[in-house]
Amino acid sequence: MPKTLVVYYSLSGKDTESVSKELAAALGADLERLETATPYPADYDAAVEQGKREAESGFCPELKPLSHNPADYDVIVIGTPTWWYTMAPAVLSFMRKTDFAGKTVAPFQTHAGQPGHVISDMRKEAKGAMLFSGLRLEFGKSGLVSPKSELDEWIKHLKELG
């Protein structure tokens, strides 16, 4: 099995984080949560408004240092929630600062019914990478809406990379 890192951003610590943890466990991968150097406001509405402005403008916030070096991995699984039809700004920052040459990048997104163009945006940012199929998972108030089999099948194919 190639050395794998699961990198993700999650503002709430719910959907994207739960999928990332499941992926890391299933793949025997290391796990890295992206954190912005300046946290988003604690007030939900203020955080949403700031996130909207950043996502729509392509803003790349400064990130806290990573505990894992992406250069040490063969496969990088990258997860993001959907923010205004694209990836979260923290994920954009990570992707723009990471050299993906010679690596396999497997993007996934969580969304609440409007997947937008997240996966194609992530694929464009993974310059030099071999691209693995993207995964879109829909969540609702009561949890995963997409069939669990989609995630299970994606994990199965990731395991076949070795």
N, C-alpha and C. Protein backbone atom coordinates (compact mmCIF):
# COMPACT_ATOMS: atom_id res chain seq x y z
N MET A 1 0.85 -1.19 0.00
CA MET A 1 0.00 0.00 0.00
C MET A 1 0.89 1.25 0.00
N PRO A 2 0.61 2.19 -0.90
CA PRO A 2 1.40 3.42 -0.91
C PRO A 2 1.18 4.23 0.37
N LYS A 3 2.17 5.03 0.73
CA LYS A 3 2.05 5.87 1.92
C LYS A 3 1.01 6.95 1.64
N THR A 4 -0.01 7.01 2.50
CA THR A 4 -1.17 7.86 2.24
C THR A 4 -1.41 8.87 3.36
N LEU A 5 -1.78 10.07 2.96
CA LEU A 5 -2.14 11.15 3.88
C LEU A 5 -3.54 11.62 3.54
N VAL A 6 -4.40 11.71 4.54
CA VAL A 6 -5.72 12.30 4.37
C VAL A 6 -5.66 13.70 4.97
N VAL A 7 -5.90 14.70 4.13
CA VAL A 7 -5.87 16.10 4.53
C VAL A 7 -7.29 16.64 4.36
N TYR A 8 -7.77 17.38 5.35
CA TYR A 8 -9.13 17.90 5.23
C TYR A 8 -9.28 19.20 5.99
N TYR A 9 -10.34 19.91 5.63
CA TYR A 9 -10.75 21.09 6.38
C TYR A 9 -12.19 20.88 6.82
N SER A 10 -12.48 21.29 8.03
CA SER A 10 -13.85 21.21 8.55
C SER A 10 -14.05 22.34 9.54
N LEU A 11 -14.98 23.23 9.24
CA LEU A 11 -15.27 24.33 10.16
C LEU A 11 -15.99 23.81 11.39
N SER A 12 -16.94 22.91 11.18
CA SER A 12 -17.78 22.44 12.28
C SER A 12 -17.26 21.19 12.97
N GLY A 13 -16.35 20.48 12.31
CA GLY A 13 -15.86 19.24 12.89
C GLY A 13 -16.88 18.11 12.77
N LYS A 14 -17.75 18.19 11.76
CA LYS A 14 -18.78 17.16 11.62
C LYS A 14 -18.56 16.32 10.36
N ASP A 15 -19.28 16.62 9.30
CA ASP A 15 -19.37 15.75 8.13
C ASP A 15 -18.02 15.46 7.47
N THR A 16 -17.30 16.49 7.06
CA THR A 16 -16.03 16.28 6.37
C THR A 16 -15.03 15.60 7.30
N GLU A 17 -15.04 15.99 8.56
CA GLU A 17 -14.14 15.37 9.53
C GLU A 17 -14.46 13.90 9.74
N SER A 18 -15.74 13.56 9.85
CA SER A 18 -16.09 12.15 10.08
C SER A 18 -15.69 11.28 8.90
N VAL A 19 -15.88 11.77 7.68
CA VAL A 19 -15.47 11.01 6.49
C VAL A 19 -13.96 10.88 6.46
N SER A 20 -13.25 11.95 6.78
CA SER A 20 -11.78 11.93 6.77
C SER A 20 -11.23 10.92 7.75
N LYS A 21 -11.81 10.88 8.94
CA LYS A 21 -11.36 9.91 9.95
C LYS A 21 -11.65 8.48 9.50
N GLU A 22 -12.80 8.27 8.88
CA GLU A 22 -13.13 6.93 8.38
C GLU A 22 -12.16 6.51 7.27
N LEU A 23 -11.85 7.44 6.37
CA LEU A 23 -10.90 7.15 5.30
C LEU A 23 -9.52 6.81 5.85
N ALA A 24 -9.03 7.62 6.78
CA ALA A 24 -7.71 7.39 7.35
C ALA A 24 -7.64 6.02 8.02
N ALA A 25 -8.68 5.67 8.76
CA ALA A 25 -8.70 4.36 9.43
C ALA A 25 -8.74 3.22 8.42
N ALA A 26 -9.58 3.35 7.41
CA ALA A 26 -9.72 2.28 6.42
C ALA A 26 -8.47 2.09 5.56
N LEU A 27 -7.76 3.20 5.31
CA LEU A 27 -6.58 3.16 4.43
C LEU A 27 -5.27 3.01 5.21
N GLY A 28 -5.32 3.04 6.53
CA GLY A 28 -4.10 3.02 7.32
C GLY A 28 -3.27 4.26 7.06
N ALA A 29 -3.96 5.39 6.85
CA ALA A 29 -3.31 6.64 6.46
C ALA A 29 -3.11 7.57 7.65
N ASP A 30 -2.20 8.50 7.49
CA ASP A 30 -2.05 9.57 8.45
C ASP A 30 -3.14 10.60 8.18
N LEU A 31 -3.49 11.38 9.20
CA LEU A 31 -4.59 12.32 9.13
C LEU A 31 -4.11 13.72 9.49
N GLU A 32 -4.50 14.70 8.70
CA GLU A 32 -4.09 16.09 8.91
C GLU A 32 -5.29 17.01 8.74
N ARG A 33 -5.65 17.71 9.81
CA ARG A 33 -6.73 18.70 9.72
C ARG A 33 -6.12 20.07 9.45
N LEU A 34 -6.58 20.72 8.39
CA LEU A 34 -6.12 22.07 8.08
C LEU A 34 -6.78 23.06 9.03
N GLU A 35 -5.98 23.99 9.52
CA GLU A 35 -6.51 25.03 10.40
C GLU A 35 -5.99 26.37 9.92
N THR A 36 -6.87 27.35 9.86
CA THR A 36 -6.46 28.69 9.46
C THR A 36 -5.71 29.36 10.61
N ALA A 37 -4.71 30.16 10.28
CA ALA A 37 -3.93 30.86 11.30
C ALA A 37 -4.82 31.80 12.11
N THR A 38 -5.76 32.43 11.42
CA THR A 38 -6.74 33.28 12.09
C THR A 38 -8.07 32.54 12.05
N PRO A 39 -8.58 32.13 13.19
CA PRO A 39 -9.84 31.37 13.19
C PRO A 39 -11.02 32.18 12.66
N TYR A 40 -12.00 31.47 12.15
CA TYR A 40 -13.23 32.13 11.74
C TYR A 40 -13.98 32.58 12.98
N PRO A 41 -14.85 33.59 12.84
CA PRO A 41 -15.60 34.07 14.00
C PRO A 41 -16.42 32.94 14.64
N ALA A 42 -16.58 33.01 15.94
CA ALA A 42 -17.38 32.03 16.68
C ALA A 42 -18.86 32.16 16.33
N ASP A 43 -19.29 33.36 15.99
CA ASP A 43 -20.67 33.60 15.59
C ASP A 43 -20.91 32.98 14.21
N TYR A 44 -21.85 32.05 14.14
CA TYR A 44 -22.09 31.29 12.91
C TYR A 44 -22.37 32.19 11.70
N ASP A 45 -23.28 33.16 11.87
CA ASP A 45 -23.64 34.03 10.75
C ASP A 45 -22.44 34.84 10.26
N ALA A 46 -21.63 35.31 11.18
CA ALA A 46 -20.43 36.07 10.80
C ALA A 46 -19.44 35.16 10.07
N ALA A 47 -19.28 33.93 10.54
CA ALA A 47 -18.38 32.98 9.88
C ALA A 47 -18.87 32.66 8.48
N VAL A 48 -20.17 32.48 8.33
CA VAL A 48 -20.75 32.19 7.01
C VAL A 48 -20.52 33.36 6.05
N GLU A 49 -20.76 34.57 6.51
CA GLU A 49 -20.57 35.74 5.65
C GLU A 49 -19.10 35.89 5.24
N GLN A 50 -18.19 35.71 6.18
CA GLN A 50 -16.76 35.79 5.86
C GLN A 50 -16.38 34.68 4.88
N GLY A 51 -16.84 33.47 5.14
CA GLY A 51 -16.55 32.35 4.26
C GLY A 51 -17.06 32.57 2.85
N LYS A 52 -18.23 33.15 2.73
CA LYS A 52 -18.80 33.43 1.42
C LYS A 52 -17.92 34.41 0.64
N ARG A 53 -17.53 35.50 1.30
CA ARG A 53 -16.66 36.49 0.65
C ARG A 53 -15.35 35.85 0.20
N GLU A 54 -14.77 35.04 1.08
CA GLU A 54 -13.47 34.42 0.75
C GLU A 54 -13.60 33.42 -0.39
N ALA A 55 -14.61 32.58 -0.34
CA ALA A 55 -14.78 31.56 -1.38
C ALA A 55 -15.04 32.21 -2.74
N GLU A 56 -15.88 33.22 -2.75
CA GLU A 56 -16.21 33.88 -4.03
C GLU A 56 -15.05 34.67 -4.61
N SER A 57 -14.14 35.14 -3.77
CA SER A 57 -13.00 35.94 -4.26
C SER A 57 -11.75 35.10 -4.51
N GLY A 58 -11.78 33.81 -4.12
CA GLY A 58 -10.59 32.97 -4.29
C GLY A 58 -9.51 33.25 -3.25
N PHE A 59 -9.90 33.80 -2.12
CA PHE A 59 -8.96 34.14 -1.05
C PHE A 59 -8.30 32.88 -0.49
N CYS A 60 -7.01 32.98 -0.22
CA CYS A 60 -6.24 31.88 0.37
C CYS A 60 -5.75 32.30 1.76
N PRO A 61 -6.45 31.86 2.80
CA PRO A 61 -6.01 32.24 4.14
C PRO A 61 -4.70 31.55 4.52
N GLU A 62 -3.97 32.19 5.42
CA GLU A 62 -2.76 31.58 5.95
C GLU A 62 -3.17 30.39 6.81
N LEU A 63 -2.41 29.30 6.70
CA LEU A 63 -2.69 28.09 7.47
C LEU A 63 -1.68 27.92 8.59
N LYS A 64 -2.12 27.27 9.66
CA LYS A 64 -1.18 26.88 10.71
C LYS A 64 -0.25 25.81 10.12
N PRO A 65 0.96 25.69 10.65
CA PRO A 65 1.89 24.68 10.13
C PRO A 65 1.29 23.27 10.23
N LEU A 66 1.63 22.45 9.24
CA LEU A 66 1.16 21.07 9.20
C LEU A 66 2.04 20.19 10.08
N SER A 67 1.47 19.14 10.60
CA SER A 67 2.27 18.19 11.38
C SER A 67 2.81 17.07 10.50
N HIS A 68 2.31 16.96 9.27
CA HIS A 68 2.79 15.97 8.31
C HIS A 68 3.27 16.70 7.05
N ASN A 69 4.35 16.24 6.47
CA ASN A 69 4.88 16.84 5.25
C ASN A 69 4.32 16.10 4.04
N PRO A 70 3.49 16.76 3.22
CA PRO A 70 2.91 16.08 2.06
C PRO A 70 3.97 15.48 1.12
N ALA A 71 5.18 16.02 1.12
CA ALA A 71 6.24 15.49 0.26
C ALA A 71 6.59 14.05 0.61
N ASP A 72 6.28 13.62 1.83
CA ASP A 72 6.62 12.27 2.29
C ASP A 72 5.60 11.21 1.88
N TYR A 73 4.58 11.59 1.12
CA TYR A 73 3.47 10.67 0.81
C TYR A 73 3.33 10.44 -0.68
N ASP A 74 2.81 9.25 -1.02
CA ASP A 74 2.56 8.89 -2.41
C ASP A 74 1.15 9.28 -2.84
N VAL A 75 0.20 9.13 -1.92
CA VAL A 75 -1.21 9.42 -2.18
C VAL A 75 -1.67 10.45 -1.17
N ILE A 76 -2.35 11.49 -1.67
CA ILE A 76 -2.91 12.51 -0.80
C ILE A 76 -4.41 12.58 -1.09
N VAL A 77 -5.18 12.22 -0.09
CA VAL A 77 -6.63 12.33 -0.16
C VAL A 77 -6.99 13.68 0.44
N ILE A 78 -7.75 14.49 -0.28
CA ILE A 78 -8.06 15.84 0.18
C ILE A 78 -9.56 16.01 0.27
N GLY A 79 -10.02 16.39 1.48
CA GLY A 79 -11.45 16.55 1.71
C GLY A 79 -11.82 17.98 2.06
N THR A 80 -12.97 18.39 1.56
CA THR A 80 -13.46 19.74 1.82
C THR A 80 -14.97 19.77 1.88
N PRO A 81 -15.50 20.65 2.72
CA PRO A 81 -16.93 20.95 2.61
C PRO A 81 -17.12 21.86 1.39
N THR A 82 -18.32 21.94 0.90
CA THR A 82 -18.63 22.82 -0.22
C THR A 82 -18.99 24.20 0.32
N TRP A 83 -18.24 25.20 -0.13
CA TRP A 83 -18.51 26.58 0.25
C TRP A 83 -18.82 27.35 -1.02
N TRP A 84 -20.05 27.72 -1.20
CA TRP A 84 -20.49 28.50 -2.35
C TRP A 84 -20.00 27.88 -3.65
N TYR A 85 -20.31 26.60 -3.80
CA TYR A 85 -20.08 25.81 -5.01
C TYR A 85 -18.62 25.45 -5.27
N THR A 86 -17.72 25.78 -4.35
CA THR A 86 -16.32 25.42 -4.54
C THR A 86 -15.74 24.90 -3.21
N MET A 87 -14.44 24.69 -3.20
CA MET A 87 -13.78 24.18 -1.99
C MET A 87 -13.64 25.29 -0.95
N ALA A 88 -13.47 24.90 0.30
CA ALA A 88 -13.24 25.87 1.37
C ALA A 88 -11.91 26.58 1.12
N PRO A 89 -11.81 27.86 1.45
CA PRO A 89 -10.58 28.61 1.22
C PRO A 89 -9.34 27.97 1.83
N ALA A 90 -9.45 27.34 2.98
CA ALA A 90 -8.29 26.68 3.59
C ALA A 90 -7.75 25.57 2.69
N VAL A 91 -8.63 24.86 2.03
CA VAL A 91 -8.21 23.78 1.12
C VAL A 91 -7.54 24.38 -0.12
N LEU A 92 -8.07 25.48 -0.61
CA LEU A 92 -7.44 26.17 -1.74
C LEU A 92 -6.03 26.60 -1.36
N SER A 93 -5.85 27.15 -0.15
CA SER A 93 -4.50 27.53 0.32
C SER A 93 -3.56 26.35 0.31
N PHE A 94 -4.02 25.23 0.89
CA PHE A 94 -3.20 24.02 0.94
C PHE A 94 -2.83 23.56 -0.47
N MET A 95 -3.79 23.53 -1.35
CA MET A 95 -3.52 23.02 -2.70
C MET A 95 -2.57 23.91 -3.48
N ARG A 96 -2.67 25.20 -3.28
CA ARG A 96 -1.79 26.13 -4.01
C ARG A 96 -0.37 26.11 -3.47
N LYS A 97 -0.17 25.66 -2.23
CA LYS A 97 1.16 25.66 -1.63
C LYS A 97 1.83 24.29 -1.65
N THR A 98 1.15 23.29 -2.20
CA THR A 98 1.67 21.93 -2.17
C THR A 98 2.11 21.49 -3.55
N ASP A 99 3.28 20.85 -3.60
CA ASP A 99 3.79 20.29 -4.85
C ASP A 99 3.23 18.88 -4.99
N PHE A 100 2.39 18.67 -5.98
CA PHE A 100 1.75 17.38 -6.19
C PHE A 100 2.44 16.53 -7.27
N ALA A 101 3.55 16.99 -7.79
CA ALA A 101 4.24 16.26 -8.85
C ALA A 101 4.57 14.84 -8.40
N GLY A 102 4.17 13.86 -9.20
CA GLY A 102 4.46 12.47 -8.92
C GLY A 102 3.56 11.83 -7.87
N LYS A 103 2.57 12.56 -7.39
CA LYS A 103 1.68 12.03 -6.35
C LYS A 103 0.32 11.71 -6.97
N THR A 104 -0.42 10.86 -6.28
CA THR A 104 -1.81 10.63 -6.65
C THR A 104 -2.66 11.46 -5.70
N VAL A 105 -3.57 12.24 -6.26
CA VAL A 105 -4.47 13.07 -5.46
C VAL A 105 -5.89 12.54 -5.65
N ALA A 106 -6.55 12.29 -4.51
CA ALA A 106 -7.92 11.80 -4.50
C ALA A 106 -8.79 12.83 -3.78
N PRO A 107 -9.54 13.65 -4.52
CA PRO A 107 -10.36 14.68 -3.88
C PRO A 107 -11.74 14.17 -3.48
N PHE A 108 -12.22 14.67 -2.34
CA PHE A 108 -13.62 14.41 -2.00
C PHE A 108 -14.24 15.64 -1.36
N GLN A 109 -15.55 15.72 -1.50
CA GLN A 109 -16.28 16.84 -0.96
C GLN A 109 -17.51 16.35 -0.21
N THR A 110 -17.93 17.16 0.75
CA THR A 110 -19.22 16.97 1.39
C THR A 110 -20.06 18.18 1.01
N HIS A 111 -21.36 17.96 0.86
CA HIS A 111 -22.25 19.06 0.48
C HIS A 111 -23.64 18.79 1.03
N ALA A 112 -24.47 19.81 0.97
CA ALA A 112 -25.83 19.72 1.50
C ALA A 112 -26.88 19.74 0.39
N GLY A 113 -26.53 19.21 -0.78
CA GLY A 113 -27.49 19.14 -1.87
C GLY A 113 -27.09 19.90 -3.11
N GLN A 114 -26.09 20.76 -3.00
CA GLN A 114 -25.60 21.54 -4.14
C GLN A 114 -24.10 21.30 -4.29
N PRO A 115 -23.69 20.26 -5.04
CA PRO A 115 -22.27 19.94 -5.11
C PRO A 115 -21.42 20.97 -5.85
N GLY A 116 -22.03 21.79 -6.67
CA GLY A 116 -21.27 22.82 -7.38
C GLY A 116 -20.18 22.23 -8.26
N HIS A 117 -19.03 22.91 -8.30
CA HIS A 117 -17.91 22.52 -9.16
C HIS A 117 -16.66 22.24 -8.33
N VAL A 118 -16.85 21.76 -7.13
CA VAL A 118 -15.75 21.54 -6.19
C VAL A 118 -14.70 20.59 -6.75
N ILE A 119 -15.12 19.41 -7.19
CA ILE A 119 -14.15 18.41 -7.65
C ILE A 119 -13.36 18.91 -8.85
N SER A 120 -14.01 19.54 -9.81
CA SER A 120 -13.26 20.05 -10.97
C SER A 120 -12.31 21.17 -10.54
N ASP A 121 -12.71 22.00 -9.57
CA ASP A 121 -11.81 23.05 -9.06
C ASP A 121 -10.59 22.42 -8.38
N MET A 122 -10.82 21.39 -7.60
CA MET A 122 -9.71 20.72 -6.91
C MET A 122 -8.78 20.06 -7.93
N ARG A 123 -9.34 19.45 -8.94
CA ARG A 123 -8.52 18.79 -9.95
C ARG A 123 -7.61 19.81 -10.66
N LYS A 124 -8.12 21.00 -10.92
CA LYS A 124 -7.32 22.05 -11.56
C LYS A 124 -6.15 22.48 -10.69
N GLU A 125 -6.35 22.46 -9.37
CA GLU A 125 -5.30 22.91 -8.45
C GLU A 125 -4.25 21.83 -8.17
N ALA A 126 -4.53 20.60 -8.50
CA ALA A 126 -3.60 19.49 -8.22
C ALA A 126 -2.60 19.34 -9.36
N LYS A 127 -1.89 20.39 -9.62
CA LYS A 127 -0.95 20.42 -10.75
C LYS A 127 0.14 19.37 -10.61
N GLY A 128 0.35 18.60 -11.67
CA GLY A 128 1.40 17.59 -11.70
C GLY A 128 1.00 16.26 -11.10
N ALA A 129 -0.19 16.17 -10.55
CA ALA A 129 -0.62 14.94 -9.89
C ALA A 129 -1.30 13.98 -10.87
N MET A 130 -1.27 12.70 -10.50
CA MET A 130 -2.14 11.73 -11.13
C MET A 130 -3.45 11.86 -10.35
N LEU A 131 -4.55 11.99 -11.05
CA LEU A 131 -5.81 12.28 -10.38
C LEU A 131 -6.67 11.03 -10.26
N PHE A 132 -7.09 10.77 -9.05
CA PHE A 132 -8.00 9.68 -8.75
C PHE A 132 -9.41 10.25 -8.83
N SER A 133 -10.38 9.41 -9.13
CA SER A 133 -11.76 9.89 -9.25
C SER A 133 -12.19 10.62 -7.99
N GLY A 134 -12.97 11.67 -8.17
CA GLY A 134 -13.46 12.45 -7.04
C GLY A 134 -14.72 11.83 -6.46
N LEU A 135 -14.96 12.12 -5.20
CA LEU A 135 -16.13 11.60 -4.49
C LEU A 135 -16.95 12.76 -3.95
N ARG A 136 -18.26 12.72 -4.22
CA ARG A 136 -19.19 13.72 -3.71
C ARG A 136 -20.15 13.03 -2.75
N LEU A 137 -20.18 13.51 -1.52
CA LEU A 137 -21.07 12.93 -0.51
C LEU A 137 -22.03 13.99 0.01
N GLU A 138 -23.32 13.68 -0.10
CA GLU A 138 -24.34 14.61 0.39
C GLU A 138 -24.70 14.27 1.83
N PHE A 139 -24.79 15.31 2.64
CA PHE A 139 -25.21 15.18 4.03
C PHE A 139 -26.44 16.05 4.25
N GLY A 140 -27.29 15.61 5.15
CA GLY A 140 -28.45 16.38 5.59
C GLY A 140 -28.38 16.55 7.09
N LYS A 141 -29.44 17.08 7.66
CA LYS A 141 -29.46 17.33 9.11
C LYS A 141 -29.30 16.04 9.91
N SER A 142 -29.76 14.93 9.36
CA SER A 142 -29.67 13.66 10.10
C SER A 142 -28.48 12.80 9.68
N GLY A 143 -27.55 13.37 8.92
CA GLY A 143 -26.35 12.62 8.55
C GLY A 143 -26.22 12.37 7.06
N LEU A 144 -25.52 11.31 6.72
CA LEU A 144 -25.23 10.97 5.32
C LEU A 144 -26.50 10.69 4.53
N VAL A 145 -26.66 11.37 3.41
CA VAL A 145 -27.79 11.17 2.50
C VAL A 145 -27.37 10.25 1.35
N SER A 146 -26.15 10.45 0.85
CA SER A 146 -25.63 9.60 -0.22
C SER A 146 -25.57 8.15 0.27
N PRO A 147 -25.72 7.19 -0.64
CA PRO A 147 -25.59 5.79 -0.21
C PRO A 147 -24.19 5.53 0.37
N LYS A 148 -24.13 4.90 1.53
CA LYS A 148 -22.86 4.57 2.18
C LYS A 148 -21.98 3.73 1.25
N SER A 149 -22.62 2.98 0.36
CA SER A 149 -21.88 2.12 -0.58
C SER A 149 -20.97 2.94 -1.49
N GLU A 150 -21.31 4.20 -1.76
CA GLU A 150 -20.44 5.05 -2.60
C GLU A 150 -19.10 5.28 -1.91
N LEU A 151 -19.14 5.58 -0.63
CA LEU A 151 -17.91 5.77 0.13
C LEU A 151 -17.14 4.45 0.23
N ASP A 152 -17.83 3.37 0.52
CA ASP A 152 -17.18 2.06 0.64
C ASP A 152 -16.50 1.65 -0.66
N GLU A 153 -17.16 1.90 -1.77
CA GLU A 153 -16.59 1.55 -3.08
C GLU A 153 -15.36 2.40 -3.38
N TRP A 154 -15.42 3.69 -3.04
CA TRP A 154 -14.30 4.60 -3.27
C TRP A 154 -13.10 4.14 -2.46
N ILE A 155 -13.33 3.77 -1.20
CA ILE A 155 -12.25 3.26 -0.34
C ILE A 155 -11.65 1.99 -0.95
N LYS A 156 -12.51 1.10 -1.43
CA LYS A 156 -12.04 -0.14 -2.04
C LYS A 156 -11.10 0.15 -3.21
N HIS A 157 -11.47 1.09 -4.05
CA HIS A 157 -10.62 1.43 -5.21
C HIS A 157 -9.34 2.14 -4.79
N LEU A 158 -9.40 2.94 -3.74
CA LEU A 158 -8.17 3.57 -3.23
C LEU A 158 -7.19 2.49 -2.73
N LYS A 159 -7.73 1.49 -2.07
CA LYS A 159 -6.87 0.41 -1.57
C LYS A 159 -6.19 -0.36 -2.71
N GLU A 160 -6.78 -0.34 -3.88
CA GLU A 160 -6.23 -1.06 -5.03
C GLU A 160 -5.05 -0.32 -5.66
N LEU A 161 -4.76 0.90 -5.21
CA LEU A 161 -3.65 1.66 -5.76
C LEU A 161 -2.30 1.00 -5.48
N GLY A 162 -2.23 0.22 -4.41
CA GLY A 162 -0.98 -0.41 -4.02
C GLY A 162 -0.62 -1.50 -4.94
